[in-house]
Every structure is written in C-alpha cells, then in structure tokens.
Amino acid sequence: MTQTIELNVNGARRVITADPGTPLIYVLRNDLELNAAKFGCGSAHCGACTVMLDDKAVRSCVTPVSAAAKGAV
C-alpha cells in the first residue's frame, strides 16, 4: 500500500508516494533522480549504496524508505 512520505534530502524537503517498505535506494535513484548511491550487491555487503541518514552511514539497498521518513538523508 502506497503512502505519502516526507523526506529531507540534502537539506531540501521532498514528498514522495511509495510503499513504506521500498528500499531507499530505489526512491533516491528512481523517484528523486539522485544517482550518487549505486546499486551493487543488493544485500548490504559491498557498500556501493551507502548514504548518510541522520549522520549515520546506512546501506540504502536494505533500508526501507519509511526509516528515512522525516530523517535527514
């Protein structure tokens, strides 16, 4: 079920509609067209998808977008 989710990305407020369980990398790359994080292994081993979330490094391929809601990416 899709929901409206508010994100703070690079200091800008962004509102998207997505399933809360969608991996953060898909939202960043596909919906927000931010391509710095790369899809690598898809299982949090390689680190290609690492982003900063509330000043912590997280693997965006295994982090649901709901974990980033109202956080700072």
C-alpha atoms as a PDB file:
ATOM      1  CA  MET A   1       0.000   0.000   0.000  1.00  0.00           C
ATOM      2  CA  THR A   2       1.482   3.330  -1.011  1.00  0.00           C
ATOM      3  CA  GLN A   3       1.731   6.262   1.356  1.00  0.00           C
ATOM      4  CA  THR A   4       2.851   9.849   1.149  1.00  0.00           C
ATOM      5  CA  ILE A   5       6.298  10.044   2.727  1.00  0.00           C
ATOM      6  CA  GLU A   6       8.207  13.199   3.585  1.00  0.00           C
ATOM      7  CA  LEU A   7      11.993  13.119   3.333  1.00  0.00           C
ATOM      8  CA  ASN A   8      14.720  15.656   3.993  1.00  0.00           C
ATOM      9  CA  VAL A   9      17.269  15.051   1.228  1.00  0.00           C
ATOM     10  CA  ASN A  10      20.402  17.192   1.051  1.00  0.00           C
ATOM     11  CA  GLY A  11      18.657  19.867   3.111  1.00  0.00           C
ATOM     12  CA  ALA A  12      15.544  20.014   0.915  1.00  0.00           C
ATOM     13  CA  ARG A  13      12.086  18.761   1.845  1.00  0.00           C
ATOM     14  CA  ARG A  14      10.895  16.141  -0.639  1.00  0.00           C
ATOM     15  CA  VAL A  15       7.495  14.442  -0.655  1.00  0.00           C
ATOM     16  CA  ILE A  16       7.043  11.153  -2.483  1.00  0.00           C
ATOM     17  CA  THR A  17       4.394   8.478  -2.757  1.00  0.00           C
ATOM     18  CA  ALA A  18       5.766   4.980  -2.200  1.00  0.00           C
ATOM     19  CA  ASP A  19       5.259   1.736  -0.361  1.00  0.00           C
ATOM     20  CA  PRO A  20       6.922   2.198   3.061  1.00  0.00           C
ATOM     21  CA  GLY A  21       8.934  -0.995   2.534  1.00  0.00           C
ATOM     22  CA  THR A  22      10.519   0.183  -0.721  1.00  0.00           C
ATOM     23  CA  PRO A  23      14.325   0.198  -0.440  1.00  0.00           C
ATOM     24  CA  LEU A  24      15.603   3.738  -0.008  1.00  0.00           C
ATOM     25  CA  ILE A  25      17.974   3.374  -2.959  1.00  0.00           C
ATOM     26  CA  TYR A  26      15.056   2.934  -5.374  1.00  0.00           C
ATOM     27  CA  VAL A  27      13.399   6.119  -4.129  1.00  0.00           C
ATOM     28  CA  LEU A  28      16.647   8.094  -4.286  1.00  0.00           C
ATOM     29  CA  ARG A  29      17.599   6.897  -7.771  1.00  0.00           C
ATOM     30  CA  ASN A  30      14.244   6.391  -9.485  1.00  0.00           C
ATOM     31  CA  ASP A  31      11.873   8.888  -7.871  1.00  0.00           C
ATOM     32  CA  LEU A  32      14.257  11.664  -6.896  1.00  0.00           C
ATOM     33  CA  GLU A  33      16.765  11.095  -9.734  1.00  0.00           C
ATOM     34  CA  LEU A  34      19.762  11.206  -7.378  1.00  0.00           C
ATOM     35  CA  ASN A  35      22.338   8.828  -8.785  1.00  0.00           C
ATOM     36  CA  ALA A  36      25.299   9.111  -6.400  1.00  0.00           C
ATOM     37  CA  ALA A  37      24.327   5.977  -4.476  1.00  0.00           C
ATOM     38  CA  LYS A  38      24.916   2.973  -6.728  1.00  0.00           C
ATOM     39  CA  PHE A  39      23.130  -0.352  -6.693  1.00  0.00           C
ATOM     40  CA  GLY A  40      25.722  -3.051  -6.134  1.00  0.00           C
ATOM     41  CA  CYS A  41      25.082  -6.362  -4.432  1.00  0.00           C
ATOM     42  CA  GLY A  42      21.593  -5.650  -3.046  1.00  0.00           C
ATOM     43  CA  SER A  43      22.419  -7.309   0.261  1.00  0.00           C
ATOM     44  CA  ALA A  44      24.405  -4.619   2.140  1.00  0.00           C
ATOM     45  CA  HIS A  45      27.791  -6.246   1.605  1.00  0.00           C
ATOM     46  CA  CYS A  46      29.558  -4.091  -0.979  1.00  0.00           C
ATOM     47  CA  GLY A  47      28.747  -0.581   0.307  1.00  0.00           C
ATOM     48  CA  ALA A  48      28.067   0.964  -3.111  1.00  0.00           C
ATOM     49  CA  CYS A  49      24.656   2.165  -1.918  1.00  0.00           C
ATOM     50  CA  THR A  50      25.842   3.767   1.339  1.00  0.00           C
ATOM     51  CA  VAL A  51      24.178   7.073   2.236  1.00  0.00           C
ATOM     52  CA  MET A  52      24.180   9.224   5.356  1.00  0.00           C
ATOM     53  CA  LEU A  53      20.929   9.047   7.345  1.00  0.00           C
ATOM     54  CA  ASP A  54      20.847  11.293  10.403  1.00  0.00           C
ATOM     55  CA  ASP A  55      24.663  11.384  10.433  1.00  0.00           C
ATOM     56  CA  LYS A  56      24.973   7.574  10.289  1.00  0.00           C
ATOM     57  CA  ALA A  57      26.147   5.575   7.278  1.00  0.00           C
ATOM     58  CA  VAL A  58      23.440   3.145   6.167  1.00  0.00           C
ATOM     59  CA  ARG A  59      23.133   0.768   3.242  1.00  0.00           C
ATOM     60  CA  SER A  60      20.222   2.149   1.241  1.00  0.00           C
ATOM     61  CA  CYS A  61      19.590  -1.158  -0.572  1.00  0.00           C
ATOM     62  CA  VAL A  62      18.326  -2.749   2.663  1.00  0.00           C
ATOM     63  CA  THR A  63      16.934   0.360   4.391  1.00  0.00           C
ATOM     64  CA  PRO A  64      13.212   0.898   3.833  1.00  0.00           C
ATOM     65  CA  VAL A  65      12.195   4.400   2.813  1.00  0.00           C
ATOM     66  CA  SER A  66       9.990   4.533   5.924  1.00  0.00           C
ATOM     67  CA  ALA A  67      13.163   4.515   8.064  1.00  0.00           C
ATOM     68  CA  ALA A  68      14.217   7.751   6.371  1.00  0.00           C
ATOM     69  CA  ALA A  69      10.844   9.481   6.763  1.00  0.00           C
ATOM     70  CA  LYS A  70      11.399  12.844   8.433  1.00  0.00           C
ATOM     71  CA  GLY A  71      15.057  11.966   8.839  1.00  0.00           C
ATOM     72  CA  ALA A  72      17.892  13.708   7.048  1.00  0.00           C
ATOM     73  CA  VAL A  73      19.349  11.862   4.063  1.00  0.00           C
END
